[in-house]
C-alpha atoms as a PDB file:
ATOM      1  CA  MET A   1     -62.649   3.507  74.908  1.00  0.00           C
ATOM      2  CA  HIS A   2     -58.989   2.775  75.273  1.00  0.00           C
ATOM      3  CA  PHE A   3     -56.255   4.687  73.674  1.00  0.00           C
ATOM      4  CA  LEU A   4     -52.934   3.004  72.345  1.00  0.00           C
ATOM      5  CA  GLY A   5     -49.583   4.728  71.578  1.00  0.00           C
ATOM      6  CA  GLY A   6     -49.050   6.742  68.535  1.00  0.00           C
ATOM      7  CA  GLY A   7     -52.332   8.668  68.984  1.00  0.00           C
ATOM      8  CA  ILE A   8     -54.410   5.669  67.767  1.00  0.00           C
ATOM      9  CA  THR A   9     -57.830   5.278  69.437  1.00  0.00           C
ATOM     10  CA  TRP A  10     -58.974   1.738  69.966  1.00  0.00           C
ATOM     11  CA  LEU A  11     -62.609   1.250  70.237  1.00  0.00           C
ATOM     12  CA  GLN A  12     -62.988  -1.897  72.159  1.00  0.00           C
ATOM     13  CA  PRO A  13     -66.313  -3.485  71.405  1.00  0.00           C
ATOM     14  CA  LEU A  14     -68.620  -4.761  73.994  1.00  0.00           C
ATOM     15  CA  ARG A  15     -68.747  -8.419  72.957  1.00  0.00           C
ATOM     16  CA  VAL A  16     -71.925  -9.891  74.664  1.00  0.00           C
ATOM     17  CA  SER A  17     -74.112 -12.763  73.436  1.00  0.00           C
ATOM     18  CA  LEU A  18     -77.761 -12.345  74.065  1.00  0.00           C
ATOM     19  CA  SER A  19     -78.340 -16.159  74.133  1.00  0.00           C
ATOM     20  CA  LEU A  20     -79.406 -16.762  77.617  1.00  0.00           C
ATOM     21  CA  GLY A  21     -78.675 -20.572  77.318  1.00  0.00           C
ATOM     22  CA  SER A  22     -75.644 -22.691  78.589  1.00  0.00           C
ATOM     23  CA  ARG A  23     -73.095 -20.157  77.267  1.00  0.00           C
ATOM     24  CA  LEU A  24     -74.340 -17.448  79.547  1.00  0.00           C
ATOM     25  CA  GLY A  25     -74.179 -19.801  82.529  1.00  0.00           C
ATOM     26  CA  ARG A  26     -70.437 -20.055  82.110  1.00  0.00           C
ATOM     27  CA  VAL A  27     -70.075 -16.272  82.622  1.00  0.00           C
ATOM     28  CA  ALA A  28     -68.539 -15.143  85.813  1.00  0.00           C
ATOM     29  CA  ALA A  29     -70.974 -13.891  88.471  1.00  0.00           C
ATOM     30  CA  GLY A  30     -69.910 -10.237  88.325  1.00  0.00           C
ATOM     31  CA  SER A  31     -69.901 -10.104  84.542  1.00  0.00           C
ATOM     32  CA  LEU A  32     -73.394 -11.612  84.490  1.00  0.00           C
ATOM     33  CA  CYS A  33     -74.758  -9.147  86.939  1.00  0.00           C
ATOM     34  CA  ARG A  34     -73.464  -6.383  84.888  1.00  0.00           C
ATOM     35  CA  PHE A  35     -74.581  -7.720  81.720  1.00  0.00           C
ATOM     36  CA  SER A  36     -78.082  -8.555  83.218  1.00  0.00           C
ATOM     37  CA  ASP A  37     -78.479  -4.891  84.541  1.00  0.00           C
ATOM     38  CA  ALA A  38     -77.571  -3.418  81.127  1.00  0.00           C
ATOM     39  CA  PHE A  39     -79.575  -6.065  79.162  1.00  0.00           C
ATOM     40  CA  LEU A  40     -82.741  -5.363  81.311  1.00  0.00           C
ATOM     41  CA  THR A  41     -82.197  -1.489  81.067  1.00  0.00           C
ATOM     42  CA  CYS A  42     -82.082  -1.693  77.368  1.00  0.00           C
ATOM     43  CA  VAL A  43     -85.393  -3.959  77.218  1.00  0.00           C
ATOM     44  CA  PHE A  44     -87.036  -1.453  79.546  1.00  0.00           C
ATOM     45  CA  LEU A  45     -86.198   1.395  77.403  1.00  0.00           C
ATOM     46  CA  SER A  46     -87.349  -0.529  74.242  1.00  0.00           C
ATOM     47  CA  VAL A  47     -90.635  -1.178  76.034  1.00  0.00           C
ATOM     48  CA  ARG A  48     -91.037   2.445  77.350  1.00  0.00           C
ATOM     49  CA  GLY A  49     -90.372   3.840  73.779  1.00  0.00           C
ATOM     50  CA  LEU A  50     -90.355   7.510  73.028  1.00  0.00           C
ATOM     51  CA  ALA A  51     -92.740  10.197  74.392  1.00  0.00           C
ATOM     52  CA  PRO A  52     -93.334  12.346  71.415  1.00  0.00           C
ATOM     53  CA  ALA A  53     -94.940  15.073  73.431  1.00  0.00           C
ATOM     54  CA  ALA A  54     -91.867  15.374  75.591  1.00  0.00           C
ATOM     55  CA  LEU A  55     -89.525  15.492  72.551  1.00  0.00           C
ATOM     56  CA  LYS A  56     -91.783  18.091  70.835  1.00  0.00           C
ATOM     57  CA  LEU A  57     -91.718  20.342  73.840  1.00  0.00           C
ATOM     58  CA  ASP A  58     -87.921  19.958  74.143  1.00  0.00           C
ATOM     59  CA  LEU A  59     -87.350  20.977  70.596  1.00  0.00           C
ATOM     60  CA  GLU A  60     -89.725  23.974  70.723  1.00  0.00           C
ATOM     61  CA  GLN A  61     -88.494  25.189  74.028  1.00  0.00           C
ATOM     62  CA  LYS A  62     -84.810  24.815  73.652  1.00  0.00           C
ATOM     63  CA  LEU A  63     -84.121  25.039  69.832  1.00  0.00           C
ATOM     64  CA  PHE A  64     -84.317  28.462  68.288  1.00  0.00           C
ATOM     65  CA  GLY A  65     -84.840  29.315  64.745  1.00  0.00           C
ATOM     66  CA  GLN A  66     -84.937  25.697  63.233  1.00  0.00           C
ATOM     67  CA  HIS A  67     -88.487  24.959  62.254  1.00  0.00           C
ATOM     68  CA  LEU A  68     -87.180  22.384  59.580  1.00  0.00           C
ATOM     69  CA  ALA A  69     -85.074  20.515  62.055  1.00  0.00           C
ATOM     70  CA  THR A  70     -87.804  20.417  64.650  1.00  0.00           C
ATOM     71  CA  GLU A  71     -90.386  19.237  62.228  1.00  0.00           C
ATOM     72  CA  VAL A  72     -88.160  16.509  60.557  1.00  0.00           C
ATOM     73  CA  ILE A  73     -86.520  15.183  63.737  1.00  0.00           C
ATOM     74  CA  LEU A  74     -89.920  14.936  65.522  1.00  0.00           C
ATOM     75  CA  LYS A  75     -91.475  13.105  62.668  1.00  0.00           C
ATOM     76  CA  ALA A  76     -88.552  10.855  61.882  1.00  0.00           C
ATOM     77  CA  LEU A  77     -88.062   9.626  65.450  1.00  0.00           C
ATOM     78  CA  THR A  78     -91.688   9.214  66.286  1.00  0.00           C
ATOM     79  CA  GLY A  79     -92.307   7.231  63.044  1.00  0.00           C
ATOM     80  CA  PHE A  80     -89.325   5.124  63.461  1.00  0.00           C
ATOM     81  CA  LYS A  81     -90.088   4.307  67.328  1.00  0.00           C
ATOM     82  CA  ASN A  82     -93.694   3.571  66.539  1.00  0.00           C
ATOM     83  CA  ASN A  83     -92.557   1.032  63.859  1.00  0.00           C
ATOM     84  CA  LYS A  84     -92.333  -2.420  65.471  1.00  0.00           C
ATOM     85  CA  ASN A  85     -90.721  -4.022  62.631  1.00  0.00           C
ATOM     86  CA  PRO A  86     -88.384  -1.226  60.929  1.00  0.00           C
ATOM     87  CA  LYS A  87     -86.593  -2.531  57.661  1.00  0.00           C
ATOM     88  CA  LYS A  88     -83.417  -0.465  58.411  1.00  0.00           C
ATOM     89  CA  PRO A  89     -81.833   1.529  61.033  1.00  0.00           C
ATOM     90  CA  LEU A  90     -82.958   5.329  61.244  1.00  0.00           C
ATOM     91  CA  THR A  91     -80.076   7.482  59.851  1.00  0.00           C
ATOM     92  CA  LEU A  92     -80.104  11.202  60.165  1.00  0.00           C
ATOM     93  CA  SER A  93     -77.451  13.667  58.658  1.00  0.00           C
ATOM     94  CA  LEU A  94     -77.582  17.041  60.324  1.00  0.00           C
ATOM     95  CA  HIS A  95     -75.990  19.920  58.449  1.00  0.00           C
ATOM     96  CA  GLY A  96     -75.279  23.541  59.085  1.00  0.00           C
ATOM     97  CA  TRP A  97     -72.665  26.050  60.374  1.00  0.00           C
ATOM     98  CA  ALA A  98     -71.294  25.852  63.993  1.00  0.00           C
ATOM     99  CA  GLY A  99     -73.476  27.124  66.716  1.00  0.00           C
ATOM    100  CA  THR A 100     -76.901  26.501  64.955  1.00  0.00           C
ATOM    101  CA  GLY A 101     -77.831  23.683  67.203  1.00  0.00           C
ATOM    102  CA  LYS A 102     -76.756  20.230  65.753  1.00  0.00           C
ATOM    103  CA  ASN A 103     -74.925  19.011  68.795  1.00  0.00           C
ATOM    104  CA  PHE A 104     -77.541  20.302  71.099  1.00  0.00           C
ATOM    105  CA  VAL A 105     -80.183  18.376  69.112  1.00  0.00           C
ATOM    106  CA  SER A 106     -78.259  15.260  69.142  1.00  0.00           C
ATOM    107  CA  GLN A 107     -78.125  15.587  73.010  1.00  0.00           C
ATOM    108  CA  ILE A 108     -81.838  16.234  73.173  1.00  0.00           C
ATOM    109  CA  VAL A 109     -82.536  13.223  71.017  1.00  0.00           C
ATOM    110  CA  ALA A 110     -80.213  11.093  73.247  1.00  0.00           C
ATOM    111  CA  GLU A 111     -81.960  12.161  76.425  1.00  0.00           C
ATOM    112  CA  ASN A 112     -85.445  11.465  75.016  1.00  0.00           C
ATOM    113  CA  LEU A 113     -84.238   8.006  74.025  1.00  0.00           C
ATOM    114  CA  HIS A 114     -82.112   6.942  77.024  1.00  0.00           C
ATOM    115  CA  PRO A 115     -82.626   9.040  80.353  1.00  0.00           C
ATOM    116  CA  LYS A 116     -78.886   9.353  80.903  1.00  0.00           C
ATOM    117  CA  GLY A 117     -78.556  10.813  77.509  1.00  0.00           C
ATOM    118  CA  LEU A 118     -74.858  11.119  76.316  1.00  0.00           C
ATOM    119  CA  LYS A 119     -73.696   9.307  79.492  1.00  0.00           C
ATOM    120  CA  SER A 120     -75.856   6.212  78.718  1.00  0.00           C
ATOM    121  CA  ASN A 121     -74.118   2.952  78.026  1.00  0.00           C
ATOM    122  CA  PHE A 122     -76.207   2.786  74.966  1.00  0.00           C
ATOM    123  CA  VAL A 123     -75.235   6.100  73.307  1.00  0.00           C
ATOM    124  CA  HIS A 124     -71.990   6.295  71.671  1.00  0.00           C
ATOM    125  CA  LEU A 125     -70.255   9.541  70.456  1.00  0.00           C
ATOM    126  CA  PHE A 126     -67.571   9.650  67.991  1.00  0.00           C
ATOM    127  CA  VAL A 127     -65.500  12.729  67.281  1.00  0.00           C
ATOM    128  CA  SER A 128     -63.659  12.666  64.034  1.00  0.00           C
ATOM    129  CA  THR A 129     -60.569  14.557  65.049  1.00  0.00           C
ATOM    130  CA  LEU A 130     -60.231  12.593  68.369  1.00  0.00           C
ATOM    131  CA  HIS A 131     -61.050   8.944  67.317  1.00  0.00           C
ATOM    132  CA  PHE A 132     -60.085   9.015  63.541  1.00  0.00           C
ATOM    133  CA  PRO A 133     -57.290  11.515  63.345  1.00  0.00           C
ATOM    134  CA  HIS A 134     -54.799   9.707  61.005  1.00  0.00           C
ATOM    135  CA  GLU A 135     -55.405   9.220  57.312  1.00  0.00           C
ATOM    136  CA  GLN A 136     -52.900   6.486  56.977  1.00  0.00           C
ATOM    137  CA  LYS A 137     -54.810   4.434  59.666  1.00  0.00           C
ATOM    138  CA  ILE A 138     -58.213   4.334  57.741  1.00  0.00           C
ATOM    139  CA  LYS A 139     -58.304   0.631  57.468  1.00  0.00           C
ATOM    140  CA  LEU A 140     -57.661   0.166  61.143  1.00  0.00           C
ATOM    141  CA  TYR A 141     -60.350   2.610  61.950  1.00  0.00           C
ATOM    142  CA  GLN A 142     -62.920   0.806  59.823  1.00  0.00           C
ATOM    143  CA  GLU A 143     -62.179  -2.463  61.502  1.00  0.00           C
ATOM    144  CA  GLN A 144     -62.503  -0.971  64.903  1.00  0.00           C
ATOM    145  CA  LEU A 145     -65.639   0.786  64.033  1.00  0.00           C
ATOM    146  CA  GLN A 146     -67.359  -2.246  62.735  1.00  0.00           C
ATOM    147  CA  LYS A 147     -66.318  -4.235  65.853  1.00  0.00           C
ATOM    148  CA  TRP A 148     -67.459  -1.407  68.066  1.00  0.00           C
ATOM    149  CA  ILE A 149     -70.892  -1.015  66.624  1.00  0.00           C
ATOM    150  CA  ARG A 150     -71.469  -4.782  66.156  1.00  0.00           C
ATOM    151  CA  GLY A 151     -70.678  -5.554  69.794  1.00  0.00           C
ATOM    152  CA  ASN A 152     -72.812  -2.657  71.262  1.00  0.00           C
ATOM    153  CA  VAL A 153     -75.908  -3.344  69.020  1.00  0.00           C
ATOM    154  CA  SER A 154     -75.607  -6.997  69.991  1.00  0.00           C
ATOM    155  CA  ALA A 155     -75.804  -5.940  73.675  1.00  0.00           C
ATOM    156  CA  CYS A 156     -78.651  -3.475  72.981  1.00  0.00           C
ATOM    157  CA  ALA A 157     -80.511  -3.305  69.646  1.00  0.00           C
ATOM    158  CA  SER A 158     -81.683   0.338  70.332  1.00  0.00           C
ATOM    159  CA  SER A 159     -78.181   1.717  70.574  1.00  0.00           C
ATOM    160  CA  VAL A 160     -77.525   5.238  69.256  1.00  0.00           C
ATOM    161  CA  PHE A 161     -74.379   6.295  67.383  1.00  0.00           C
ATOM    162  CA  ILE A 162     -73.489   9.911  66.961  1.00  0.00           C
ATOM    163  CA  PHE A 163     -70.698  11.000  64.608  1.00  0.00           C
ATOM    164  CA  ASP A 164     -69.584  14.627  65.147  1.00  0.00           C
ATOM    165  CA  GLU A 165     -67.335  16.584  62.872  1.00  0.00           C
ATOM    166  CA  MET A 166     -68.164  14.457  59.835  1.00  0.00           C
ATOM    167  CA  ASP A 167     -66.685  17.292  57.560  1.00  0.00           C
ATOM    168  CA  LYS A 168     -63.291  16.300  59.168  1.00  0.00           C
ATOM    169  CA  LEU A 169     -63.685  12.658  58.761  1.00  0.00           C
ATOM    170  CA  HIS A 170     -61.231  11.085  56.189  1.00  0.00           C
ATOM    171  CA  PRO A 171     -63.496   9.849  53.322  1.00  0.00           C
ATOM    172  CA  GLY A 172     -63.991   6.106  53.093  1.00  0.00           C
ATOM    173  CA  ILE A 173     -64.203   5.484  56.899  1.00  0.00           C
ATOM    174  CA  ILE A 174     -67.822   5.862  57.307  1.00  0.00           C
ATOM    175  CA  ASP A 175     -68.517   3.390  54.437  1.00  0.00           C
ATOM    176  CA  ALA A 176     -67.209   0.796  56.752  1.00  0.00           C
ATOM    177  CA  ILE A 177     -70.683   0.690  58.542  1.00  0.00           C
ATOM    178  CA  LYS A 178     -72.703   0.765  55.191  1.00  0.00           C
ATOM    179  CA  PRO A 179     -73.801  -2.855  55.664  1.00  0.00           C
ATOM    180  CA  PHE A 180     -75.265  -1.978  59.046  1.00  0.00           C
ATOM    181  CA  LEU A 181     -77.303   0.680  57.460  1.00  0.00           C
ATOM    182  CA  ASP A 182     -78.666  -1.133  54.665  1.00  0.00           C
ATOM    183  CA  TYR A 183     -81.900  -3.095  54.146  1.00  0.00           C
ATOM    184  CA  TYR A 184     -80.756  -6.308  55.783  1.00  0.00           C
ATOM    185  CA  GLU A 185     -82.721  -8.151  58.379  1.00  0.00           C
ATOM    186  CA  GLN A 186     -79.407  -9.289  59.810  1.00  0.00           C
ATOM    187  CA  VAL A 187     -75.678  -9.080  59.256  1.00  0.00           C
ATOM    188  CA  ASP A 188     -73.771 -11.952  60.486  1.00  0.00           C
ATOM    189  CA  GLY A 189     -76.515 -12.873  62.911  1.00  0.00           C
ATOM    190  CA  VAL A 190     -76.904  -9.377  64.260  1.00  0.00           C
ATOM    191  CA  SER A 191     -79.999  -7.134  63.449  1.00  0.00           C
ATOM    192  CA  TYR A 192     -79.209  -3.350  63.304  1.00  0.00           C
ATOM    193  CA  CYS A 193     -82.770  -2.228  62.291  1.00  0.00           C
ATOM    194  CA  LYS A 194     -83.715  -0.704  65.680  1.00  0.00           C
ATOM    195  CA  ALA A 195     -80.391   1.303  65.991  1.00  0.00           C
ATOM    196  CA  ILE A 196     -80.168   5.121  65.261  1.00  0.00           C
ATOM    197  CA  PHE A 197     -77.251   6.695  63.479  1.00  0.00           C
ATOM    198  CA  ILE A 198     -76.786  10.470  63.595  1.00  0.00           C
ATOM    199  CA  PHE A 199     -74.265  12.399  61.496  1.00  0.00           C
ATOM    200  CA  LEU A 200     -73.237  16.019  62.380  1.00  0.00           C
ATOM    201  CA  SER A 201     -71.487  18.154  59.813  1.00  0.00           C
ATOM    202  CA  ASN A 202     -70.740  21.701  58.887  1.00  0.00           C
ATOM    203  CA  ALA A 203     -70.543  20.606  55.268  1.00  0.00           C
ATOM    204  CA  GLY A 204     -73.302  22.168  53.193  1.00  0.00           C
ATOM    205  CA  GLY A 205     -73.634  25.073  55.568  1.00  0.00           C
ATOM    206  CA  ASP A 206     -72.903  27.410  52.671  1.00  0.00           C
ATOM    207  CA  LEU A 207     -75.714  25.960  50.448  1.00  0.00           C
ATOM    208  CA  ILE A 208     -78.203  26.373  53.422  1.00  0.00           C
ATOM    209  CA  THR A 209     -77.221  29.899  53.966  1.00  0.00           C
ATOM    210  CA  LYS A 210     -77.477  30.689  50.222  1.00  0.00           C
ATOM    211  CA  THR A 211     -81.085  29.385  50.242  1.00  0.00           C
ATOM    212  CA  ALA A 212     -81.814  31.223  53.436  1.00  0.00           C
ATOM    213  CA  LEU A 213     -80.467  34.524  51.913  1.00  0.00           C
ATOM    214  CA  ASP A 214     -82.321  34.108  48.645  1.00  0.00           C
ATOM    215  CA  PHE A 215     -85.598  33.851  50.752  1.00  0.00           C
ATOM    216  CA  TRP A 216     -84.681  36.921  52.670  1.00  0.00           C
ATOM    217  CA  ARG A 217     -83.722  39.057  49.788  1.00  0.00           C
ATOM    218  CA  ALA A 218     -86.980  37.892  48.074  1.00  0.00           C
ATOM    219  CA  GLY A 219     -89.011  39.292  51.053  1.00  0.00           C
ATOM    220  CA  ARG A 220     -90.021  35.793  52.170  1.00  0.00           C
ATOM    221  CA  LYS A 221     -90.158  34.612  55.768  1.00  0.00           C
ATOM    222  CA  ARG A 222     -87.568  31.783  56.694  1.00  0.00           C
ATOM    223  CA  GLU A 223     -90.451  29.750  57.971  1.00  0.00           C
ATOM    224  CA  ASP A 224     -91.487  29.537  54.386  1.00  0.00           C
ATOM    225  CA  ILE A 225     -88.314  27.442  53.608  1.00  0.00           C
ATOM    226  CA  GLN A 226     -89.367  23.783  53.233  1.00  0.00           C
ATOM    227  CA  LEU A 227     -87.313  20.552  53.237  1.00  0.00           C
ATOM    228  CA  LYS A 228     -87.836  20.178  49.639  1.00  0.00           C
ATOM    229  CA  ASP A 229     -86.101  23.496  48.950  1.00  0.00           C
ATOM    230  CA  LEU A 230     -82.739  22.200  50.666  1.00  0.00           C
ATOM    231  CA  GLU A 231     -82.590  18.451  50.938  1.00  0.00           C
ATOM    232  CA  PRO A 232     -81.846  17.430  47.242  1.00  0.00           C
ATOM    233  CA  VAL A 233     -79.259  20.107  46.921  1.00  0.00           C
ATOM    234  CA  LEU A 234     -77.795  19.245  50.260  1.00  0.00           C
ATOM    235  CA  SER A 235     -77.421  15.534  49.464  1.00  0.00           C
ATOM    236  CA  VAL A 236     -75.841  16.210  46.185  1.00  0.00           C
ATOM    237  CA  GLY A 237     -73.465  18.975  47.666  1.00  0.00           C
ATOM    238  CA  VAL A 238     -72.314  16.772  50.450  1.00  0.00           C
ATOM    239  CA  PHE A 239     -71.770  13.781  47.999  1.00  0.00           C
ATOM    240  CA  ASN A 240     -69.617  15.946  45.864  1.00  0.00           C
ATOM    241  CA  ASN A 241     -67.703  17.770  48.647  1.00  0.00           C
ATOM    242  CA  LYS A 242     -64.360  16.276  49.299  1.00  0.00           C
ATOM    243  CA  HIS A 243     -64.281  17.605  52.923  1.00  0.00           C
ATOM    244  CA  SER A 244     -67.739  16.280  53.941  1.00  0.00           C
ATOM    245  CA  GLY A 245     -66.855  12.893  55.268  1.00  0.00           C
ATOM    246  CA  LEU A 246     -69.649  11.549  52.906  1.00  0.00           C
ATOM    247  CA  TRP A 247     -67.797  12.319  49.640  1.00  0.00           C
ATOM    248  CA  ARG A 248     -68.870   9.780  47.090  1.00  0.00           C
ATOM    249  CA  SER A 249     -70.044   7.597  49.914  1.00  0.00           C
ATOM    250  CA  GLY A 250     -72.056   4.525  49.285  1.00  0.00           C
ATOM    251  CA  LEU A 251     -74.426   5.648  52.264  1.00  0.00           C
ATOM    252  CA  ILE A 252     -75.766   8.535  49.933  1.00  0.00           C
ATOM    253  CA  ASP A 253     -75.327   6.605  46.627  1.00  0.00           C
ATOM    254  CA  ARG A 254     -77.471   3.698  48.188  1.00  0.00           C
ATOM    255  CA  ASN A 255     -79.893   6.254  49.615  1.00  0.00           C
ATOM    256  CA  LEU A 256     -79.285   4.936  53.147  1.00  0.00           C
ATOM    257  CA  ILE A 257     -79.431   8.324  54.786  1.00  0.00           C
ATOM    258  CA  ASP A 258     -83.177   8.794  55.560  1.00  0.00           C
ATOM    259  CA  TYR A 259     -83.063  12.622  56.038  1.00  0.00           C
ATOM    260  CA  PHE A 260     -80.644  15.452  55.491  1.00  0.00           C
ATOM    261  CA  VAL A 261     -81.682  17.830  58.086  1.00  0.00           C
ATOM    262  CA  PRO A 262     -80.606  21.590  57.487  1.00  0.00           C
ATOM    263  CA  PHE A 263     -79.882  23.819  60.274  1.00  0.00           C
ATOM    264  CA  LEU A 264     -80.435  27.414  59.170  1.00  0.00           C
ATOM    265  CA  PRO A 265     -78.115  30.396  60.042  1.00  0.00           C
ATOM    266  CA  LEU A 266     -79.250  32.174  63.096  1.00  0.00           C
ATOM    267  CA  GLU A 267     -80.466  35.888  63.147  1.00  0.00           C
ATOM    268  CA  TYR A 268     -79.966  38.413  65.800  1.00  0.00           C
ATOM    269  CA  LYS A 269     -83.433  37.649  67.306  1.00  0.00           C
ATOM    270  CA  HIS A 270     -82.375  33.933  67.722  1.00  0.00           C
ATOM    271  CA  VAL A 271     -79.145  34.960  69.453  1.00  0.00           C
ATOM    272  CA  LYS A 272     -81.159  36.912  71.935  1.00  0.00           C
ATOM    273  CA  MET A 273     -83.209  33.745  72.662  1.00  0.00           C
ATOM    274  CA  CYS A 274     -80.102  31.806  73.286  1.00  0.00           C
ATOM    275  CA  VAL A 275     -78.957  34.327  75.681  1.00  0.00           C
ATOM    276  CA  ARG A 276     -82.091  34.407  77.682  1.00  0.00           C
ATOM    277  CA  ALA A 277     -82.225  30.511  77.723  1.00  0.00           C
ATOM    278  CA  GLU A 278     -78.716  30.415  79.029  1.00  0.00           C
ATOM    279  CA  MET A 279     -79.598  32.863  81.830  1.00  0.00           C
ATOM    280  CA  ARG A 280     -82.548  30.852  82.904  1.00  0.00           C
ATOM    281  CA  ALA A 281     -80.422  27.816  82.836  1.00  0.00           C
ATOM    282  CA  ARG A 282     -78.091  29.423  85.194  1.00  0.00           C
ATOM    283  CA  GLY A 283     -80.895  30.333  87.580  1.00  0.00           C
ATOM    284  CA  ALA A 284     -80.481  34.049  86.965  1.00  0.00           C
ATOM    285  CA  ALA A 285     -83.300  36.597  86.231  1.00  0.00           C
ATOM    286  CA  VAL A 286     -83.520  37.473  82.520  1.00  0.00           C
ATOM    287  CA  ASP A 287     -81.867  41.036  82.243  1.00  0.00           C
ATOM    288  CA  GLU A 288     -82.772  42.388  78.708  1.00  0.00           C
ATOM    289  CA  ASP A 289     -80.080  44.972  78.892  1.00  0.00           C
ATOM    290  CA  ILE A 290     -77.455  42.268  79.251  1.00  0.00           C
ATOM    291  CA  VAL A 291     -79.418  40.115  76.536  1.00  0.00           C
ATOM    292  CA  THR A 292     -78.907  43.128  74.121  1.00  0.00           C
ATOM    293  CA  ARG A 293     -75.342  43.754  75.016  1.00  0.00           C
ATOM    294  CA  VAL A 294     -74.362  40.121  74.543  1.00  0.00           C
ATOM    295  CA  ALA A 295     -76.169  39.714  71.223  1.00  0.00           C
ATOM    296  CA  GLU A 296     -74.616  43.090  69.967  1.00  0.00           C
ATOM    297  CA  GLU A 297     -71.040  41.716  70.685  1.00  0.00           C
ATOM    298  CA  MET A 298     -71.642  39.026  68.075  1.00  0.00           C
ATOM    299  CA  THR A 299     -70.539  39.441  64.523  1.00  0.00           C
ATOM    300  CA  PHE A 300     -73.014  39.042  61.612  1.00  0.00           C
ATOM    301  CA  PHE A 301     -72.957  38.447  57.953  1.00  0.00           C
ATOM    302  CA  PRO A 302     -73.020  39.154  54.977  1.00  0.00           C
ATOM    303  CA  LYS A 303     -70.938  42.305  55.208  1.00  0.00           C
ATOM    304  CA  ASP A 304     -73.653  44.645  53.924  1.00  0.00           C
ATOM    305  CA  GLU A 305     -76.887  43.084  55.396  1.00  0.00           C
ATOM    306  CA  LYS A 306     -75.488  41.699  58.671  1.00  0.00           C
ATOM    307  CA  ILE A 307     -78.280  39.192  58.940  1.00  0.00           C
ATOM    308  CA  TYR A 308     -76.616  36.018  60.403  1.00  0.00           C
ATOM    309  CA  SER A 309     -74.644  35.339  63.236  1.00  0.00           C
ATOM    310  CA  ASP A 310     -71.164  33.825  62.159  1.00  0.00           C
ATOM    311  CA  LYS A 311     -70.874  31.615  65.011  1.00  0.00           C
ATOM    312  CA  GLY A 312     -74.600  31.052  65.751  1.00  0.00           C
ATOM    313  CA  CYS A 313     -75.135  30.761  69.566  1.00  0.00           C
ATOM    314  CA  LYS A 314     -71.735  29.004  70.102  1.00  0.00           C
ATOM    315  CA  THR A 315     -69.997  31.722  72.157  1.00  0.00           C
ATOM    316  CA  VAL A 316     -73.189  32.787  74.031  1.00  0.00           C
ATOM    317  CA  GLN A 317     -72.114  31.051  77.281  1.00  0.00           C
ATOM    318  CA  SER A 318     -68.469  32.437  77.339  1.00  0.00           C
ATOM    319  CA  ARG A 319     -69.685  35.915  76.461  1.00  0.00           C
ATOM    320  CA  LEU A 320     -72.349  35.854  79.089  1.00  0.00           C
ATOM    321  CA  ASP A 321     -69.464  35.173  81.672  1.00  0.00           C
ATOM    322  CA  PHE A 322     -68.286  38.738  81.277  1.00  0.00           C
ATOM    323  CA  HIS A 323     -71.624  40.392  82.237  1.00  0.00           C
END
């Protein structure tokens, strides 16, 4: 990615032709080697496919309190990768408050699809406030985005594109990629049907929390919440939310988002799970006294019941540094 003056981000597309005929023979030797390595790596990953058991283990052991996200993402990815002839790209929209695991899940997905994860040449992360900051530059961003995606899917059909902070994305920008997500075999000679698009957003967090709280107050377990309890209200709510990045978007209007994945607010017990996992990741023995102290330092809502962590597990790492 190259940065121009005035805070504008230029997303330079990887312009590579997959025709291995005479045109490729005219490419410089160094460029050919780099292209061949990338192309062969992409082919190898496509042949290798997804290991559902490994993805399931990662989600169950590393993601806490998110039974819906675990179930939906596992089924969606497994079904998509097992389909040798998908009719459109897989498009997932992950919703929930900060610290509930959306970014973490996108990292897990990336690592299960491409060994280098977010560092892979075939995984592309866009952050709204970094890459698309200026409202007056929407048209430019749309053009850059189309070029970047077209170029990279041309180079590797199984590319993954992750859009973070969708709730901060200026409305209209994301609709530039609508033709790539639709049911087209090809768009201008390029097939996008094996690509994966993942949107991450805080929008809809209030709707998810309301449903979770309704279940809790009715004495029902959070595990009883089903996708059908949240997905319809989530899609409508995001579509009508001016701050969702998907406000009145053709992606929703045309039903091009395959799954709206809700991330539930995390309870005290889930925060403790996060602390234990972080201690293990640091190679330290789990000290339950420290686990309890870190969890009790967090703030919880609603004001009276104090059920859910207002930052999820987002500040667990920094708080653990003090113990």
